C-alpha atoms as a PDB file:
ATOM      1  CA  UNK A   1       2.409-125.231 -14.276  1.00  0.00           C
ATOM      2  CA  UNK A   2       1.244-127.489 -17.081  1.00  0.00           C
ATOM      3  CA  UNK A   3       1.669-126.810 -20.774  1.00  0.00           C
ATOM      4  CA  UNK A   4      -1.509-127.507 -22.763  1.00  0.00           C
ATOM      5  CA  UNK A   5      -2.361-127.598 -26.483  1.00  0.00           C
ATOM      6  CA  UNK A   6      -5.389-125.320 -26.049  1.00  0.00           C
ATOM      7  CA  UNK A   7      -7.131-123.365 -23.318  1.00  0.00           C
ATOM      8  CA  UNK A   8     -10.374-121.461 -22.942  1.00  0.00           C
ATOM      9  CA  UNK A   9     -10.052-117.854 -21.800  1.00  0.00           C
ATOM     10  CA  UNK A  10     -12.968-116.423 -19.813  1.00  0.00           C
ATOM     11  CA  UNK A  11     -13.461-112.987 -18.196  1.00  0.00           C
ATOM     12  CA  UNK A  12     -11.962-114.532 -15.025  1.00  0.00           C
ATOM     13  CA  UNK A  13      -8.817-115.696 -16.838  1.00  0.00           C
ATOM     14  CA  UNK A  14      -7.688-119.044 -18.168  1.00  0.00           C
ATOM     15  CA  UNK A  15     -10.184-121.770 -17.385  1.00  0.00           C
ATOM     16  CA  UNK A  16      -8.694-124.177 -14.852  1.00  0.00           C
ATOM     17  CA  UNK A  17      -6.344-121.548 -13.405  1.00  0.00           C
ATOM     18  CA  UNK A  18      -7.202-119.482 -10.328  1.00  0.00           C
ATOM     19  CA  UNK A  19      -9.659-116.681 -11.137  1.00  0.00           C
ATOM     20  CA  UNK A  20      -8.266-113.178 -11.581  1.00  0.00           C
ATOM     21  CA  UNK A  21     -10.998-111.066 -13.164  1.00  0.00           C
ATOM     22  CA  UNK A  22     -10.134-107.603 -14.405  1.00  0.00           C
ATOM     23  CA  UNK A  23      -6.900-106.128 -15.681  1.00  0.00           C
ATOM     24  CA  UNK A  24      -4.783-109.097 -14.493  1.00  0.00           C
ATOM     25  CA  UNK A  25      -7.026-111.909 -15.763  1.00  0.00           C
ATOM     26  CA  UNK A  26      -4.389-113.338 -18.128  1.00  0.00           C
ATOM     27  CA  UNK A  27      -0.603-113.123 -18.056  1.00  0.00           C
ATOM     28  CA  UNK A  28       1.599-113.235 -21.154  1.00  0.00           C
ATOM     29  CA  UNK A  29       5.325-113.384 -21.777  1.00  0.00           C
ATOM     30  CA  UNK A  30       7.353-113.024 -24.960  1.00  0.00           C
ATOM     31  CA  UNK A  31       9.262-116.163 -25.906  1.00  0.00           C
ATOM     32  CA  UNK A  32      12.235-113.988 -26.849  1.00  0.00           C
ATOM     33  CA  UNK A  33      12.573-112.829 -23.234  1.00  0.00           C
ATOM     34  CA  UNK A  34      13.161-116.368 -21.967  1.00  0.00           C
ATOM     35  CA  UNK A  35      16.610-116.297 -23.612  1.00  0.00           C
ATOM     36  CA  UNK A  36      17.332-112.851 -22.188  1.00  0.00           C
ATOM     37  CA  UNK A  37      16.489-113.950 -18.648  1.00  0.00           C
ATOM     38  CA  UNK A  38      18.634-117.057 -19.057  1.00  0.00           C
ATOM     39  CA  UNK A  39      21.547-115.014 -20.409  1.00  0.00           C
ATOM     40  CA  UNK A  40      21.370-112.628 -17.459  1.00  0.00           C
ATOM     41  CA  UNK A  41      21.683-115.637 -15.191  1.00  0.00           C
ATOM     42  CA  UNK A  42      24.537-117.116 -17.246  1.00  0.00           C
ATOM     43  CA  UNK A  43      22.583-120.122 -18.469  1.00  0.00           C
ATOM     44  CA  UNK A  44      20.299-121.480 -21.175  1.00  0.00           C
ATOM     45  CA  UNK A  45      16.860-119.943 -21.835  1.00  0.00           C
ATOM     46  CA  UNK A  46      14.434-120.252 -18.937  1.00  0.00           C
ATOM     47  CA  UNK A  47      11.620-122.779 -19.418  1.00  0.00           C
ATOM     48  CA  UNK A  48       8.258-121.030 -19.914  1.00  0.00           C
ATOM     49  CA  UNK A  49       6.694-122.976 -17.032  1.00  0.00           C
ATOM     50  CA  UNK A  50       9.183-121.454 -14.597  1.00  0.00           C
ATOM     51  CA  UNK A  51       7.848-117.980 -15.365  1.00  0.00           C
ATOM     52  CA  UNK A  52       4.288-118.984 -14.374  1.00  0.00           C
ATOM     53  CA  UNK A  53       2.612-116.985 -17.155  1.00  0.00           C
ATOM     54  CA  UNK A  54      -0.565-118.203 -18.861  1.00  0.00           C
ATOM     55  CA  UNK A  55       0.456-117.591 -22.465  1.00  0.00           C
ATOM     56  CA  UNK A  56       3.802-117.466 -24.269  1.00  0.00           C
ATOM     57  CA  UNK A  57       3.837-115.446 -27.510  1.00  0.00           C
ATOM     58  CA  UNK A  58       6.561-114.938 -30.091  1.00  0.00           C
ATOM     59  CA  UNK A  59       7.249-112.317 -32.723  1.00  0.00           C
ATOM     60  CA  UNK A  60       5.190-109.551 -31.127  1.00  0.00           C
ATOM     61  CA  UNK A  61       6.379-106.710 -28.871  1.00  0.00           C
ATOM     62  CA  UNK A  62       3.906-106.737 -25.982  1.00  0.00           C
ATOM     63  CA  UNK A  63       5.354-103.550 -24.466  1.00  0.00           C
ATOM     64  CA  UNK A  64       4.474-101.658 -27.647  1.00  0.00           C
ATOM     65  CA  UNK A  65       0.880-102.866 -27.307  1.00  0.00           C
ATOM     66  CA  UNK A  66       0.194-101.563 -23.782  1.00  0.00           C
ATOM     67  CA  UNK A  67      -3.372-100.258 -23.666  1.00  0.00           C
ATOM     68  CA  UNK A  68      -4.231-101.916 -26.985  1.00  0.00           C
ATOM     69  CA  UNK A  69      -6.231-104.976 -27.847  1.00  0.00           C
ATOM     70  CA  UNK A  70      -4.733-108.104 -29.357  1.00  0.00           C
ATOM     71  CA  UNK A  71      -6.344-111.140 -30.942  1.00  0.00           C
ATOM     72  CA  UNK A  72      -5.008-114.577 -30.043  1.00  0.00           C
ATOM     73  CA  UNK A  73      -6.973-117.440 -31.558  1.00  0.00           C
ATOM     74  CA  UNK A  74     -10.639-116.876 -30.692  1.00  0.00           C
ATOM     75  CA  UNK A  75      -9.983-114.426 -27.839  1.00  0.00           C
ATOM     76  CA  UNK A  76      -9.446-110.682 -27.668  1.00  0.00           C
ATOM     77  CA  UNK A  77      -7.276-109.365 -24.829  1.00  0.00           C
ATOM     78  CA  UNK A  78      -6.318-105.849 -23.776  1.00  0.00           C
ATOM     79  CA  UNK A  79      -2.707-105.446 -22.605  1.00  0.00           C
ATOM     80  CA  UNK A  80      -2.996-103.568 -19.303  1.00  0.00           C
ATOM     81  CA  UNK A  81       0.074-103.546 -17.078  1.00  0.00           C
ATOM     82  CA  UNK A  82       3.522-105.019 -16.691  1.00  0.00           C
ATOM     83  CA  UNK A  83       3.707-108.294 -14.792  1.00  0.00           C
ATOM     84  CA  UNK A  84       6.347-107.473 -12.213  1.00  0.00           C
ATOM     85  CA  UNK A  85       8.537-110.217 -10.756  1.00  0.00           C
ATOM     86  CA  UNK A  86       7.861-111.531  -7.286  1.00  0.00           C
ATOM     87  CA  UNK A  87      10.019-113.204  -4.643  1.00  0.00           C
ATOM     88  CA  UNK A  88       9.216-116.599  -6.214  1.00  0.00           C
ATOM     89  CA  UNK A  89      11.665-115.753  -8.999  1.00  0.00           C
ATOM     90  CA  UNK A  90      14.571-116.041  -6.542  1.00  0.00           C
ATOM     91  CA  UNK A  91      13.262-119.455  -5.497  1.00  0.00           C
ATOM     92  CA  UNK A  92      12.631-120.620  -9.069  1.00  0.00           C
ATOM     93  CA  UNK A  93      15.743-119.161 -10.734  1.00  0.00           C
ATOM     94  CA  UNK A  94      18.227-118.843  -7.884  1.00  0.00           C
ATOM     95  CA  UNK A  95      20.234-115.832  -6.805  1.00  0.00           C
ATOM     96  CA  UNK A  96      19.673-112.906  -9.141  1.00  0.00           C
ATOM     97  CA  UNK A  97      16.404-114.309 -10.495  1.00  0.00           C
ATOM     98  CA  UNK A  98      14.316-111.342  -9.384  1.00  0.00           C
ATOM     99  CA  UNK A  99      16.643-108.830 -11.043  1.00  0.00           C
ATOM    100  CA  UNK A 100      16.945-110.898 -14.247  1.00  0.00           C
ATOM    101  CA  UNK A 101      13.159-110.896 -14.668  1.00  0.00           C
ATOM    102  CA  UNK A 102      12.723-107.129 -14.126  1.00  0.00           C
ATOM    103  CA  UNK A 103      11.521-105.683 -17.421  1.00  0.00           C
ATOM    104  CA  UNK A 104      11.252-109.141 -18.986  1.00  0.00           C
ATOM    105  CA  UNK A 105       8.550-110.794 -16.872  1.00  0.00           C
ATOM    106  CA  UNK A 106       5.656-110.242 -19.227  1.00  0.00           C
ATOM    107  CA  UNK A 107       2.351-108.400 -19.240  1.00  0.00           C
ATOM    108  CA  UNK A 108      -1.106-108.699 -17.739  1.00  0.00           C
ATOM    109  CA  UNK A 109      -4.251-108.485 -19.826  1.00  0.00           C
ATOM    110  CA  UNK A 110      -8.002-108.052 -19.463  1.00  0.00           C
ATOM    111  CA  UNK A 111     -10.262-110.423 -21.395  1.00  0.00           C
ATOM    112  CA  UNK A 112     -12.429-108.437 -23.834  1.00  0.00           C
ATOM    113  CA  UNK A 113     -13.817-111.384 -25.815  1.00  0.00           C
ATOM    114  CA  UNK A 114     -13.625-114.878 -24.311  1.00  0.00           C
ATOM    115  CA  UNK A 115     -12.522-117.696 -26.584  1.00  0.00           C
ATOM    116  CA  UNK A 116     -10.183-120.611 -27.167  1.00  0.00           C
ATOM    117  CA  UNK A 117      -6.469-120.147 -27.662  1.00  0.00           C
ATOM    118  CA  UNK A 118      -4.586-123.052 -29.207  1.00  0.00           C
ATOM    119  CA  UNK A 119      -0.865-123.665 -29.374  1.00  0.00           C
ATOM    120  CA  UNK A 120       0.491-121.885 -32.451  1.00  0.00           C
ATOM    121  CA  UNK A 121      -2.438-119.428 -32.714  1.00  0.00           C
ATOM    122  CA  UNK A 122      -1.650-116.193 -34.525  1.00  0.00           C
ATOM    123  CA  UNK A 123      -1.202-113.065 -32.392  1.00  0.00           C
ATOM    124  CA  UNK A 124      -1.974-109.651 -33.859  1.00  0.00           C
ATOM    125  CA  UNK A 125      -3.290-106.233 -32.815  1.00  0.00           C
ATOM    126  CA  UNK A 126      -7.073-105.866 -33.025  1.00  0.00           C
END
């Protein structure tokens, strides 16, 4: 996973990533949850790249926005479903990684309006 200053979001997901059209086109995680996952594993916050999500947001409760639309930069996304952990979390985080991510692994979203999302872009309900 590479961190970039800006990315274009299309109906298929983040340009340059593998295509996932539909309700799982884009994945998001709350920055605040990186510390929680790290704490559950008895270590520092987990690096965002380890979680393999497309977008990291801060200061917004994604769970409270399930089924709603959010604006991030020039794009509009609809929060659709929880992004459940997979077996890769044990590989990436070590023993207990899967359990630490449960409930903190982020959310999937459908792209309603394609657009560019830059680092530091405001996030707010539509």
